PDB file of N, CA and C in Angstrom:
ATOM      1  N   VAL A   1     -21.757 -31.027  83.147  1.00  0.00           N
ATOM      2  CA  VAL A   1     -22.203 -32.274  82.554  1.00  0.00           C
ATOM      3  C   VAL A   1     -21.599 -31.517  81.107  1.00  0.00           C
ATOM      4  N   ILE A   2     -22.179 -30.737  80.322  1.00  0.00           N
ATOM      5  CA  ILE A   2     -21.733 -30.410  79.134  1.00  0.00           C
ATOM      6  C   ILE A   2     -20.268 -29.969  79.042  1.00  0.00           C
ATOM      7  N   THR A   3     -20.009 -28.838  79.774  1.00  0.00           N
ATOM      8  CA  THR A   3     -18.647 -28.357  79.587  1.00  0.00           C
ATOM      9  C   THR A   3     -17.988 -29.513  80.066  1.00  0.00           C
ATOM     10  N   SER A   4     -17.927 -30.334  80.991  1.00  0.00           N
ATOM     11  CA  SER A   4     -16.976 -31.133  81.556  1.00  0.00           C
ATOM     12  C   SER A   4     -16.948 -32.464  80.934  1.00  0.00           C
ATOM     13  N   ASN A   5     -18.006 -32.332  79.763  1.00  0.00           N
ATOM     14  CA  ASN A   5     -18.137 -33.830  78.942  1.00  0.00           C
ATOM     15  C   ASN A   5     -18.215 -34.988  79.946  1.00  0.00           C
ATOM     16  N   THR A   6     -19.128 -34.941  80.999  1.00  0.00           N
ATOM     17  CA  THR A   6     -19.504 -36.326  81.855  1.00  0.00           C
ATOM     18  C   THR A   6     -20.517 -36.855  80.897  1.00  0.00           C
ATOM     19  N   PRO A   7     -20.302 -38.185  80.874  1.00  0.00           N
ATOM     20  CA  PRO A   7     -21.154 -38.978  80.346  1.00  0.00           C
ATOM     21  C   PRO A   7     -22.464 -38.973  80.742  1.00  0.00           C
ATOM     22  N   LYS A   8     -23.598 -38.852  79.961  1.00  0.00           N
ATOM     23  CA  LYS A   8     -24.738 -38.899  80.170  1.00  0.00           C
ATOM     24  C   LYS A   8     -25.108 -40.370  80.589  1.00  0.00           C
ATOM     25  N   ASP A   9     -24.537 -41.228  79.864  1.00  0.00           N
ATOM     26  CA  ASP A   9     -24.753 -42.778  80.210  1.00  0.00           C
ATOM     27  C   ASP A   9     -24.378 -43.132  81.751  1.00  0.00           C
ATOM     28  N   TRP A  10     -23.337 -42.514  82.210  1.00  0.00           N
ATOM     29  CA  TRP A  10     -22.698 -42.940  83.397  1.00  0.00           C
ATOM     30  C   TRP A  10     -23.609 -41.940  84.455  1.00  0.00           C
ATOM     31  N   LEU A  11     -24.252 -40.974  84.307  1.00  0.00           N
ATOM     32  CA  LEU A  11     -25.209 -40.490  84.914  1.00  0.00           C
ATOM     33  C   LEU A  11     -26.448 -41.294  85.134  1.00  0.00           C
ATOM     34  N   THR A  12     -27.137 -41.604  84.018  1.00  0.00           N
ATOM     35  CA  THR A  12     -28.358 -42.443  84.049  1.00  0.00           C
ATOM     36  C   THR A  12     -28.071 -43.707  84.929  1.00  0.00           C
ATOM     37  N   GLU A  13     -26.713 -44.236  85.416  1.00  0.00           N
ATOM     38  CA  GLU A  13     -26.593 -45.378  86.089  1.00  0.00           C
ATOM     39  C   GLU A  13     -26.818 -44.890  87.577  1.00  0.00           C
ATOM     40  N   GLN A  14     -26.576 -43.486  87.941  1.00  0.00           N
ATOM     41  CA  GLN A  14     -26.312 -43.153  89.351  1.00  0.00           C
ATOM     42  C   GLN A  14     -27.705 -43.275  90.029  1.00  0.00           C
ATOM     43  N   SER A  15     -27.772 -43.129  91.323  1.00  0.00           N
ATOM     44  CA  SER A  15     -29.142 -43.249  92.006  1.00  0.00           C
ATOM     45  C   SER A  15     -29.057 -41.947  92.655  1.00  0.00           C
ATOM     46  N   ASN A  16     -28.091 -41.048  92.738  1.00  0.00           N
ATOM     47  CA  ASN A  16     -27.966 -39.854  93.357  1.00  0.00           C
ATOM     48  C   ASN A  16     -28.971 -38.756  92.907  1.00  0.00           C
ATOM     49  N   GLU A  17     -29.694 -38.277  93.466  1.00  0.00           N
ATOM     50  CA  GLU A  17     -30.785 -37.404  92.925  1.00  0.00           C
ATOM     51  C   GLU A  17     -30.222 -36.058  92.346  1.00  0.00           C
ATOM     52  N   GLY A  18     -29.161 -35.862  92.730  1.00  0.00           N
ATOM     53  CA  GLY A  18     -28.649 -34.419  92.359  1.00  0.00           C
ATOM     54  C   GLY A  18     -27.798 -34.620  90.961  1.00  0.00           C
ATOM     55  N   LEU A  19     -27.186 -35.779  91.067  1.00  0.00           N
ATOM     56  CA  LEU A  19     -26.610 -36.367  89.391  1.00  0.00           C
ATOM     57  C   LEU A  19     -27.890 -36.340  88.385  1.00  0.00           C
ATOM     58  N   ILE A  20     -28.854 -37.132  89.081  1.00  0.00           N
ATOM     59  CA  ILE A  20     -29.839 -37.152  88.107  1.00  0.00           C
ATOM     60  C   ILE A  20     -30.553 -35.873  87.512  1.00  0.00           C
ATOM     61  N   LEU A  21     -30.521 -34.994  88.445  1.00  0.00           N
ATOM     62  CA  LEU A  21     -30.772 -33.783  88.040  1.00  0.00           C
ATOM     63  C   LEU A  21     -30.180 -32.880  87.225  1.00  0.00           C
ATOM     64  N   ALA A  22     -28.686 -33.310  87.470  1.00  0.00           N
ATOM     65  CA  ALA A  22     -27.621 -32.723  86.136  1.00  0.00           C
ATOM     66  C   ALA A  22     -27.980 -33.448  84.823  1.00  0.00           C
ATOM     67  N   LEU A  23     -28.378 -34.733  84.732  1.00  0.00           N
ATOM     68  CA  LEU A  23     -28.634 -35.406  83.601  1.00  0.00           C
ATOM     69  C   LEU A  23     -29.980 -34.761  82.917  1.00  0.00           C
ATOM     70  N   ALA A  24     -31.012 -34.289  83.680  1.00  0.00           N
ATOM     71  CA  ALA A  24     -31.927 -33.743  82.913  1.00  0.00           C
ATOM     72  C   ALA A  24     -31.694 -32.508  82.492  1.00  0.00           C
ATOM     73  N   SER A  25     -31.093 -31.805  83.405  1.00  0.00           N
ATOM     74  CA  SER A  25     -30.631 -30.387  82.908  1.00  0.00           C
ATOM     75  C   SER A  25     -29.837 -30.134  81.609  1.00  0.00           C
ATOM     76  N   ALA A  26     -29.033 -31.180  81.624  1.00  0.00           N
ATOM     77  CA  ALA A  26     -28.189 -31.239  80.033  1.00  0.00           C
ATOM     78  C   ALA A  26     -28.878 -31.770  78.935  1.00  0.00           C
ATOM     79  N   ILE A  27     -29.970 -32.729  79.330  1.00  0.00           N
ATOM     80  CA  ILE A  27     -30.970 -33.172  78.251  1.00  0.00           C
ATOM     81  C   ILE A  27     -31.752 -31.777  77.635  1.00  0.00           C
ATOM     82  N   ILE A  28     -32.182 -31.059  78.697  1.00  0.00           N
ATOM     83  CA  ILE A  28     -32.983 -29.949  78.497  1.00  0.00           C
ATOM     84  C   ILE A  28     -32.078 -29.111  77.650  1.00  0.00           C
ATOM     85  N   SER A  29     -30.663 -28.694  77.816  1.00  0.00           N
ATOM     86  CA  SER A  29     -29.908 -27.862  76.921  1.00  0.00           C
ATOM     87  C   SER A  29     -29.447 -28.578  75.819  1.00  0.00           C
ATOM     88  N   LEU A  30     -29.265 -29.621  75.847  1.00  0.00           N
ATOM     89  CA  LEU A  30     -28.751 -30.419  74.177  1.00  0.00           C
ATOM     90  C   LEU A  30     -29.263 -31.652  74.290  1.00  0.00           C
ATOM     91  N   PRO A  31     -30.670 -31.735  74.118  1.00  0.00           N
ATOM     92  CA  PRO A  31     -31.147 -33.127  73.994  1.00  0.00           C
ATOM     93  C   PRO A  31     -30.477 -33.928  72.713  1.00  0.00           C
ATOM     94  N   GLU A  32     -30.246 -35.303  72.957  1.00  0.00           N
ATOM     95  CA  GLU A  32     -29.929 -36.370  71.671  1.00  0.00           C
ATOM     96  C   GLU A  32     -30.928 -37.296  71.719  1.00  0.00           C
ATOM     97  N   ARG A  33     -30.897 -38.038  70.510  1.00  0.00           N
ATOM     98  CA  ARG A  33     -31.881 -39.341  70.306  1.00  0.00           C
ATOM     99  C   ARG A  33     -31.812 -40.221  71.524  1.00  0.00           C
ATOM    100  N   ARG A  34     -31.060 -40.617  72.087  1.00  0.00           N
ATOM    101  CA  ARG A  34     -30.935 -41.704  73.132  1.00  0.00           C
ATOM    102  C   ARG A  34     -31.224 -41.135  74.466  1.00  0.00           C
ATOM    103  N   ASP A  35     -31.515 -39.934  74.564  1.00  0.00           N
ATOM    104  CA  ASP A  35     -31.895 -39.221  75.835  1.00  0.00           C
ATOM    105  C   ASP A  35     -33.170 -39.895  76.413  1.00  0.00           C
ATOM    106  N   LEU A  36     -34.101 -39.991  75.623  1.00  0.00           N
ATOM    107  CA  LEU A  36     -35.456 -40.400  76.193  1.00  0.00           C
ATOM    108  C   LEU A  36     -35.093 -41.901  77.000  1.00  0.00           C
ATOM    109  N   GLY A  37     -34.375 -42.743  76.577  1.00  0.00           N
ATOM    110  CA  GLY A  37     -33.946 -43.975  77.588  1.00  0.00           C
ATOM    111  C   GLY A  37     -33.384 -43.754  78.385  1.00  0.00           C
ATOM    112  N   ARG A  38     -32.637 -42.613  78.669  1.00  0.00           N
ATOM    113  CA  ARG A  38     -31.645 -42.425  80.035  1.00  0.00           C
ATOM    114  C   ARG A  38     -32.868 -41.730  80.861  1.00  0.00           C
ATOM    115  N   LEU A  39     -33.510 -40.808  80.292  1.00  0.00           N
ATOM    116  CA  LEU A  39     -34.582 -40.227  81.338  1.00  0.00           C
ATOM    117  C   LEU A  39     -35.612 -41.378  81.889  1.00  0.00           C
ATOM    118  N   LEU A  40     -36.066 -42.122  81.054  1.00  0.00           N
ATOM    119  CA  LEU A  40     -36.945 -43.356  81.345  1.00  0.00           C
ATOM    120  C   LEU A  40     -36.175 -44.075  82.727  1.00  0.00           C
ATOM    121  N   GLN A  41     -35.220 -44.345  82.332  1.00  0.00           N
ATOM    122  CA  GLN A  41     -34.518 -45.212  83.326  1.00  0.00           C
ATOM    123  C   GLN A  41     -34.152 -44.516  84.922  1.00  0.00           C
ATOM    124  N   ALA A  42     -33.944 -42.996  84.402  1.00  0.00           N
ATOM    125  CA  ALA A  42     -33.321 -42.378  85.613  1.00  0.00           C
ATOM    126  C   ALA A  42     -34.899 -41.903  86.489  1.00  0.00           C
ATOM    127  N   ALA A  43     -35.853 -41.771  85.641  1.00  0.00           N
ATOM    128  CA  ALA A  43     -37.099 -41.341  86.504  1.00  0.00           C
ATOM    129  C   ALA A  43     -37.586 -42.414  87.571  1.00  0.00           C
ATOM    130  N   THR A  44     -37.220 -43.491  87.190  1.00  0.00           N
ATOM    131  CA  THR A  44     -37.658 -44.469  88.458  1.00  0.00           C
ATOM    132  C   THR A  44     -36.886 -44.291  89.955  1.00  0.00           C
ATOM    133  N   LYS A  45     -35.995 -43.483  89.644  1.00  0.00           N
ATOM    134  CA  LYS A  45     -35.207 -43.495  90.947  1.00  0.00           C
ATOM    135  C   LYS A  45     -35.158 -42.120  91.858  1.00  0.00           C
ATOM    136  N   VAL A  46     -36.268 -41.165  91.142  1.00  0.00           N
ATOM    137  CA  VAL A  46     -36.346 -39.787  91.844  1.00  0.00           C
ATOM    138  C   VAL A  46     -37.479 -39.895  92.789  1.00  0.00           C
ATOM    139  N   SER A  47     -37.590 -39.245  93.740  1.00  0.00           N
ATOM    140  CA  SER A  47     -38.767 -39.056  94.796  1.00  0.00           C
ATOM    141  C   SER A  47     -38.903 -37.244  94.904  1.00  0.00           C
ATOM    142  N   ARG A  48     -37.785 -36.671  94.708  1.00  0.00           N
ATOM    143  CA  ARG A  48     -38.143 -35.183  94.990  1.00  0.00           C
ATOM    144  C   ARG A  48     -38.901 -34.639  93.907  1.00  0.00           C
ATOM    145  N   LEU A  49     -39.598 -33.680  94.419  1.00  0.00           N
ATOM    146  CA  LEU A  49     -40.546 -33.210  93.178  1.00  0.00           C
ATOM    147  C   LEU A  49     -39.827 -32.351  92.355  1.00  0.00           C
ATOM    148  N   HIS A  50     -39.043 -31.497  92.807  1.00  0.00           N
ATOM    149  CA  HIS A  50     -38.078 -30.349  91.889  1.00  0.00           C
ATOM    150  C   HIS A  50     -37.330 -31.248  90.977  1.00  0.00           C
ATOM    151  N   ILE A  51     -36.942 -32.353  91.058  1.00  0.00           N
ATOM    152  CA  ILE A  51     -36.199 -33.376  90.146  1.00  0.00           C
ATOM    153  C   ILE A  51     -37.034 -33.689  89.257  1.00  0.00           C
ATOM    154  N   LYS A  52     -38.207 -34.191  89.717  1.00  0.00           N
ATOM    155  CA  LYS A  52     -39.266 -34.592  88.486  1.00  0.00           C
ATOM    156  C   LYS A  52     -39.894 -33.718  87.691  1.00  0.00           C
ATOM    157  N   TYR A  53     -40.057 -32.373  88.376  1.00  0.00           N
ATOM    158  CA  TYR A  53     -40.170 -31.235  87.585  1.00  0.00           C
ATOM    159  C   TYR A  53     -39.279 -31.037  86.568  1.00  0.00           C
ATOM    160  N   ARG A  54     -38.117 -31.209  86.587  1.00  0.00           N
ATOM    161  CA  ARG A  54     -36.827 -31.020  85.655  1.00  0.00           C
ATOM    162  C   ARG A  54     -37.020 -32.291  84.575  1.00  0.00           C
ATOM    163  N   ILE A  55     -37.286 -33.653  85.120  1.00  0.00           N
ATOM    164  CA  ILE A  55     -37.245 -34.541  84.219  1.00  0.00           C
ATOM    165  C   ILE A  55     -38.665 -34.351  83.326  1.00  0.00           C
ATOM    166  N   VAL A  56     -39.769 -33.979  83.725  1.00  0.00           N
ATOM    167  CA  VAL A  56     -40.859 -33.527  82.938  1.00  0.00           C
ATOM    168  C   VAL A  56     -40.716 -32.516  81.701  1.00  0.00           C
ATOM    169  N   ILE A  57     -39.920 -31.302  82.166  1.00  0.00           N
ATOM    170  CA  ILE A  57     -39.335 -30.379  81.123  1.00  0.00           C
ATOM    171  C   ILE A  57     -38.494 -31.030  80.261  1.00  0.00           C
ATOM    172  N   ALA A  58     -37.524 -31.910  80.615  1.00  0.00           N
ATOM    173  CA  ALA A  58     -36.680 -32.609  79.604  1.00  0.00           C
ATOM    174  C   ALA A  58     -37.303 -33.716  78.728  1.00  0.00           C
ATOM    175  N   LEU A  59     -38.452 -34.462  79.167  1.00  0.00           N
ATOM    176  CA  LEU A  59     -39.346 -35.079  78.282  1.00  0.00           C
ATOM    177  C   LEU A  59     -39.952 -34.386  77.458  1.00  0.00           C
ATOM    178  N   GLY A  60     -40.488 -33.119  77.683  1.00  0.00           N
ATOM    179  CA  GLY A  60     -41.143 -32.303  76.613  1.00  0.00           C
ATOM    180  C   GLY A  60     -40.353 -31.970  75.685  1.00  0.00           C
ATOM    181  N   ARG A  61     -38.997 -31.776  76.057  1.00  0.00           N
ATOM    182  CA  ARG A  61     -37.900 -31.086  75.142  1.00  0.00           C
ATOM    183  C   ARG A  61     -37.829 -31.937  74.183  1.00  0.00           C
ATOM    184  N   ILE A  62     -37.627 -33.388  74.464  1.00  0.00           N
ATOM    185  CA  ILE A  62     -37.136 -34.155  73.573  1.00  0.00           C
ATOM    186  C   ILE A  62     -38.501 -34.271  72.441  1.00  0.00           C
ATOM    187  N   PHE A  63     -39.639 -34.326  73.075  1.00  0.00           N
ATOM    188  CA  PHE A  63     -40.613 -34.258  71.768  1.00  0.00           C
ATOM    189  C   PHE A  63     -40.702 -33.194  71.084  1.00  0.00           C
ATOM    190  N   GLU A  64     -40.397 -31.976  71.545  1.00  0.00           N
ATOM    191  CA  GLU A  64     -40.289 -30.741  70.773  1.00  0.00           C
ATOM    192  C   GLU A  64     -39.165 -30.974  69.738  1.00  0.00           C
ATOM    193  N   ARG A  65     -38.264 -31.375  70.135  1.00  0.00           N
ATOM    194  CA  ARG A  65     -36.941 -31.516  69.144  1.00  0.00           C
ATOM    195  C   ARG A  65     -37.169 -32.719  68.213  1.00  0.00           C
ATOM    196  N   ASN A  66     -38.297 -33.345  68.086  1.00  0.00           N
ATOM    197  CA  ASN A  66     -38.793 -34.681  67.441  1.00  0.00           C
ATOM    198  C   ASN A  66     -37.555 -35.815  67.565  1.00  0.00           C
ATOM    199  N   LEU A  67     -37.195 -35.990  69.054  1.00  0.00           N
ATOM    200  CA  LEU A  67     -36.184 -37.062  69.103  1.00  0.00           C
ATOM    201  C   LEU A  67     -37.101 -38.376  69.769  1.00  0.00           C
ATOM    202  N   ALA A  68     -38.346 -38.245  69.634  1.00  0.00           N
ATOM    203  CA  ALA A  68     -39.240 -39.517  69.996  1.00  0.00           C
ATOM    204  C   ALA A  68     -40.026 -40.194  69.079  1.00  0.00           C
ATOM    205  N   THR A  69     -40.650 -41.212  69.162  1.00  0.00           N
ATOM    206  CA  THR A  69     -41.483 -41.597  68.212  1.00  0.00           C
ATOM    207  C   THR A  69     -42.975 -41.762  69.012  1.00  0.00           C
ATOM    208  N   ALA A  70     -43.757 -41.922  68.102  1.00  0.00           N
ATOM    209  CA  ALA A  70     -45.200 -42.692  68.475  1.00  0.00           C
ATOM    210  C   ALA A  70     -45.070 -43.873  69.510  1.00  0.00           C
ATOM    211  N   ALA A  71     -44.075 -44.703  69.255  1.00  0.00           N
ATOM    212  CA  ALA A  71     -44.074 -45.892  69.867  1.00  0.00           C
ATOM    213  C   ALA A  71     -43.366 -45.463  71.375  1.00  0.00           C
ATOM    214  N   ASP A  72     -42.820 -44.498  71.732  1.00  0.00           N
ATOM    215  CA  ASP A  72     -42.682 -44.091  72.784  1.00  0.00           C
ATOM    216  C   ASP A  72     -43.465 -43.744  74.069  1.00  0.00           C
ATOM    217  N   ILE A  73     -44.541 -43.095  73.605  1.00  0.00           N
ATOM    218  CA  ILE A  73     -45.595 -42.337  74.095  1.00  0.00           C
ATOM    219  C   ILE A  73     -46.000 -43.155  75.537  1.00  0.00           C
ATOM    220  N   ASN A  74     -46.332 -44.465  75.064  1.00  0.00           N
ATOM    221  CA  ASN A  74     -46.983 -45.086  76.285  1.00  0.00           C
ATOM    222  C   ASN A  74     -45.897 -45.358  77.558  1.00  0.00           C
ATOM    223  N   ARG A  75     -44.689 -45.292  77.198  1.00  0.00           N
ATOM    224  CA  ARG A  75     -43.676 -45.391  78.339  1.00  0.00           C
ATOM    225  C   ARG A  75     -43.617 -44.012  79.117  1.00  0.00           C
ATOM    226  N   VAL A  76     -43.697 -42.857  78.072  1.00  0.00           N
ATOM    227  CA  VAL A  76     -43.729 -41.504  78.672  1.00  0.00           C
ATOM    228  C   VAL A  76     -44.712 -41.451  79.420  1.00  0.00           C
ATOM    229  N   MET A  77     -45.983 -41.753  78.950  1.00  0.00           N
ATOM    230  CA  MET A  77     -46.995 -41.386  79.353  1.00  0.00           C
ATOM    231  C   MET A  77     -47.168 -42.356  81.151  1.00  0.00           C
ATOM    232  N   ALA A  78     -46.689 -43.176  81.218  1.00  0.00           N
ATOM    233  CA  ALA A  78     -46.715 -44.209  82.407  1.00  0.00           C
ATOM    234  C   ALA A  78     -45.696 -43.529  83.442  1.00  0.00           C
ATOM    235  N   ILE A  79     -44.705 -42.618  83.073  1.00  0.00           N
ATOM    236  CA  ILE A  79     -43.717 -42.016  84.085  1.00  0.00           C
ATOM    237  C   ILE A  79     -44.483 -40.833  84.284  1.00  0.00           C
ATOM    238  N   LEU A  80     -45.263 -39.925  83.546  1.00  0.00           N
ATOM    239  CA  LEU A  80     -46.026 -38.626  83.973  1.00  0.00           C
ATOM    240  C   LEU A  80     -47.170 -39.095  84.785  1.00  0.00           C
ATOM    241  N   ASP A  81     -47.906 -40.331  84.405  1.00  0.00           N
ATOM    242  CA  ASP A  81     -48.929 -40.744  85.299  1.00  0.00           C
ATOM    243  C   ASP A  81     -48.230 -41.069  86.894  1.00  0.00           C
ATOM    244  N   ASP A  82     -47.169 -41.665  86.881  1.00  0.00           N
ATOM    245  CA  ASP A  82     -46.884 -42.037  88.045  1.00  0.00           C
ATOM    246  C   ASP A  82     -46.205 -40.959  88.795  1.00  0.00           C
ATOM    247  N   PHE A  83     -45.692 -39.791  88.131  1.00  0.00           N
ATOM    248  CA  PHE A  83     -44.944 -38.467  88.865  1.00  0.00           C
ATOM    249  C   PHE A  83     -46.306 -37.861  89.305  1.00  0.00           C
ATOM    250  N   GLU A  84     -47.411 -37.770  88.770  1.00  0.00           N
ATOM    251  CA  GLU A  84     -48.612 -37.009  88.816  1.00  0.00           C
ATOM    252  C   GLU A  84     -49.224 -37.430  90.408  1.00  0.00           C
ATOM    253  N   LYS A  85     -49.178 -38.666  90.762  1.00  0.00           N
ATOM    254  CA  LYS A  85     -49.843 -39.293  91.958  1.00  0.00           C
ATOM    255  C   LYS A  85     -49.466 -38.360  93.090  1.00  0.00           C
ATOM    256  N   ASP A  86     -48.215 -38.172  93.283  1.00  0.00           N
ATOM    257  CA  ASP A  86     -47.749 -37.177  94.499  1.00  0.00           C
ATOM    258  C   ASP A  86     -47.376 -35.946  94.054  1.00  0.00           C
ATOM    259  N   ALA A  87     -47.882 -35.565  93.170  1.00  0.00           N
ATOM    260  CA  ALA A  87     -47.457 -33.907  92.431  1.00  0.00           C
ATOM    261  C   ALA A  87     -47.874 -32.850  93.344  1.00  0.00           C
ATOM    262  N   ASP A  88     -47.234 -31.773  93.530  1.00  0.00           N
ATOM    263  CA  ASP A  88     -47.844 -30.594  93.841  1.00  0.00           C
ATOM    264  C   ASP A  88     -48.350 -30.020  92.723  1.00  0.00           C
ATOM    265  N   ASP A  89     -49.059 -28.719  92.930  1.00  0.00           N
ATOM    266  CA  ASP A  89     -49.667 -27.924  91.910  1.00  0.00           C
ATOM    267  C   ASP A  89     -48.627 -27.659  90.792  1.00  0.00           C
ATOM    268  N   PRO A  90     -47.208 -27.109  90.967  1.00  0.00           N
ATOM    269  CA  PRO A  90     -46.574 -26.692  89.660  1.00  0.00           C
ATOM    270  C   PRO A  90     -46.369 -27.931  89.077  1.00  0.00           C
ATOM    271  N   LEU A  91     -46.030 -28.899  89.627  1.00  0.00           N
ATOM    272  CA  LEU A  91     -45.530 -30.259  88.894  1.00  0.00           C
ATOM    273  C   LEU A  91     -46.832 -30.616  87.796  1.00  0.00           C
ATOM    274  N   LYS A  92     -47.815 -30.652  89.007  1.00  0.00           N
ATOM    275  CA  LYS A  92     -49.186 -31.040  87.932  1.00  0.00           C
ATOM    276  C   LYS A  92     -49.206 -30.125  86.499  1.00  0.00           C
ATOM    277  N   ARG A  93     -48.909 -29.040  86.757  1.00  0.00           N
ATOM    278  CA  ARG A  93     -49.009 -27.778  85.343  1.00  0.00           C
ATOM    279  C   ARG A  93     -48.154 -28.304  84.582  1.00  0.00           C
ATOM    280  N   ARG A  94     -46.911 -28.581  84.979  1.00  0.00           N
ATOM    281  CA  ARG A  94     -46.001 -28.969  83.888  1.00  0.00           C
ATOM    282  C   ARG A  94     -46.124 -30.620  83.364  1.00  0.00           C
ATOM    283  N   ILE A  95     -46.688 -31.089  84.123  1.00  0.00           N
ATOM    284  CA  ILE A  95     -47.235 -32.407  83.442  1.00  0.00           C
ATOM    285  C   ILE A  95     -48.071 -32.257  82.378  1.00  0.00           C
ATOM    286  N   ALA A  96     -49.119 -31.610  82.637  1.00  0.00           N
ATOM    287  CA  ALA A  96     -50.116 -31.030  81.676  1.00  0.00           C
ATOM    288  C   ALA A  96     -49.569 -30.319  80.445  1.00  0.00           C
ATOM    289  N   GLN A  97     -48.372 -29.629  80.559  1.00  0.00           N
ATOM    290  CA  GLN A  97     -48.114 -28.864  79.654  1.00  0.00           C
ATOM    291  C   GLN A  97     -47.293 -29.648  78.775  1.00  0.00           C
ATOM    292  N   THR A  98     -46.388 -30.821  79.337  1.00  0.00           N
ATOM    293  CA  THR A  98     -45.923 -31.751  78.683  1.00  0.00           C
ATOM    294  C   THR A  98     -46.611 -32.702  77.929  1.00  0.00           C
ATOM    295  N   ARG A  99     -47.877 -33.085  78.494  1.00  0.00           N
ATOM    296  CA  ARG A  99     -48.712 -33.803  77.928  1.00  0.00           C
ATOM    297  C   ARG A  99     -49.073 -33.084  76.543  1.00  0.00           C
ATOM    298  N   ALA A 100     -49.407 -31.739  76.519  1.00  0.00           N
ATOM    299  CA  ALA A 100     -49.894 -31.022  75.296  1.00  0.00           C
ATOM    300  C   ALA A 100     -48.892 -30.868  74.194  1.00  0.00           C
ATOM    301  N   ILE A 101     -47.576 -30.833  74.744  1.00  0.00           N
ATOM    302  CA  ILE A 101     -46.448 -30.600  73.735  1.00  0.00           C
ATOM    303  C   ILE A 101     -46.528 -32.038  72.908  1.00  0.00           C
ATOM    304  N   ILE A 102     -46.634 -33.102  73.667  1.00  0.00           N
ATOM    305  CA  ILE A 102     -46.566 -34.303  73.131  1.00  0.00           C
ATOM    306  C   ILE A 102     -47.434 -34.420  72.319  1.00  0.00           C
ATOM    307  N   ASN A 103     -49.017 -34.165  72.627  1.00  0.00           N
ATOM    308  CA  ASN A 103     -50.143 -34.300  71.584  1.00  0.00           C
ATOM    309  C   ASN A 103     -49.777 -33.599  70.535  1.00  0.00           C
ATOM    310  N   VAL A 104     -49.400 -32.532  70.479  1.00  0.00           N
ATOM    311  CA  VAL A 104     -48.970 -31.470  69.419  1.00  0.00           C
ATOM    312  C   VAL A 104     -48.207 -32.183  68.473  1.00  0.00           C
ATOM    313  N   MET A 105     -47.028 -32.529  69.029  1.00  0.00           N
ATOM    314  CA  MET A 105     -45.849 -32.758  68.465  1.00  0.00           C
ATOM    315  C   MET A 105     -46.340 -34.345  67.448  1.00  0.00           C
ATOM    316  N   MET A 106     -47.056 -35.096  68.268  1.00  0.00           N
ATOM    317  CA  MET A 106     -47.485 -36.606  67.585  1.00  0.00           C
ATOM    318  C   MET A 106     -48.553 -36.482  67.041  1.00  0.00           C
ATOM    319  N   GLY A 107     -49.026 -35.308  66.515  1.00  0.00           N
ATOM    320  CA  GLY A 107     -50.313 -35.071  65.728  1.00  0.00           C
ATOM    321  C   GLY A 107     -51.719 -35.431  66.596  1.00  0.00           C
ATOM    322  N   ASN A 108     -51.978 -35.126  67.817  1.00  0.00           N
ATOM    323  CA  ASN A 108     -52.930 -35.791  68.658  1.00  0.00           C
ATOM    324  C   ASN A 108     -53.199 -37.017  68.597  1.00  0.00           C
ATOM    325  N   SER A 109     -51.992 -37.915  68.551  1.00  0.00           N
ATOM    326  CA  SER A 109     -52.077 -39.467  68.584  1.00  0.00           C
ATOM    327  C   SER A 109     -51.876 -39.710  70.000  1.00  0.00           C
ATOM    328  N   VAL A 110     -51.941 -38.874  71.115  1.00  0.00           N
ATOM    329  CA  VAL A 110     -51.588 -39.260  72.586  1.00  0.00           C
ATOM    330  C   VAL A 110     -53.002 -39.784  73.034  1.00  0.00           C
ATOM    331  N   PRO A 111     -52.901 -40.912  73.790  1.00  0.00           N
ATOM    332  CA  PRO A 111     -54.238 -41.558  74.352  1.00  0.00           C
ATOM    333  C   PRO A 111     -54.462 -40.536  75.637  1.00  0.00           C
ATOM    334  N   ALA A 112     -55.616 -40.591  75.860  1.00  0.00           N
ATOM    335  CA  ALA A 112     -56.221 -39.520  76.965  1.00  0.00           C
ATOM    336  C   ALA A 112     -56.177 -40.181  78.248  1.00  0.00           C
TER     337      ALA A 112
END
């Protein structure tokens, strides 16, 4: 994605989970301000746990890089809540870690 200059917006529009995985991986490597919206849109299309895992990592990276605001928290928490419903133990741990990252980066303003 990064080396071939594949547009992230194009990947966001796809429903192929492999392409959504590529989107999440690109965001983990080089997050941009518009990536949160892309991830939130793509997240609704995935069912495989390993792809959800990468999306959760990417969400955390966006907050680590200060590319999200307090206004984004509720939408992100809704995705994390949805992913947690059918999550295995590794995904549940990653979701908890991402919630902690968001909490720290947003100054403990994350709803419980």
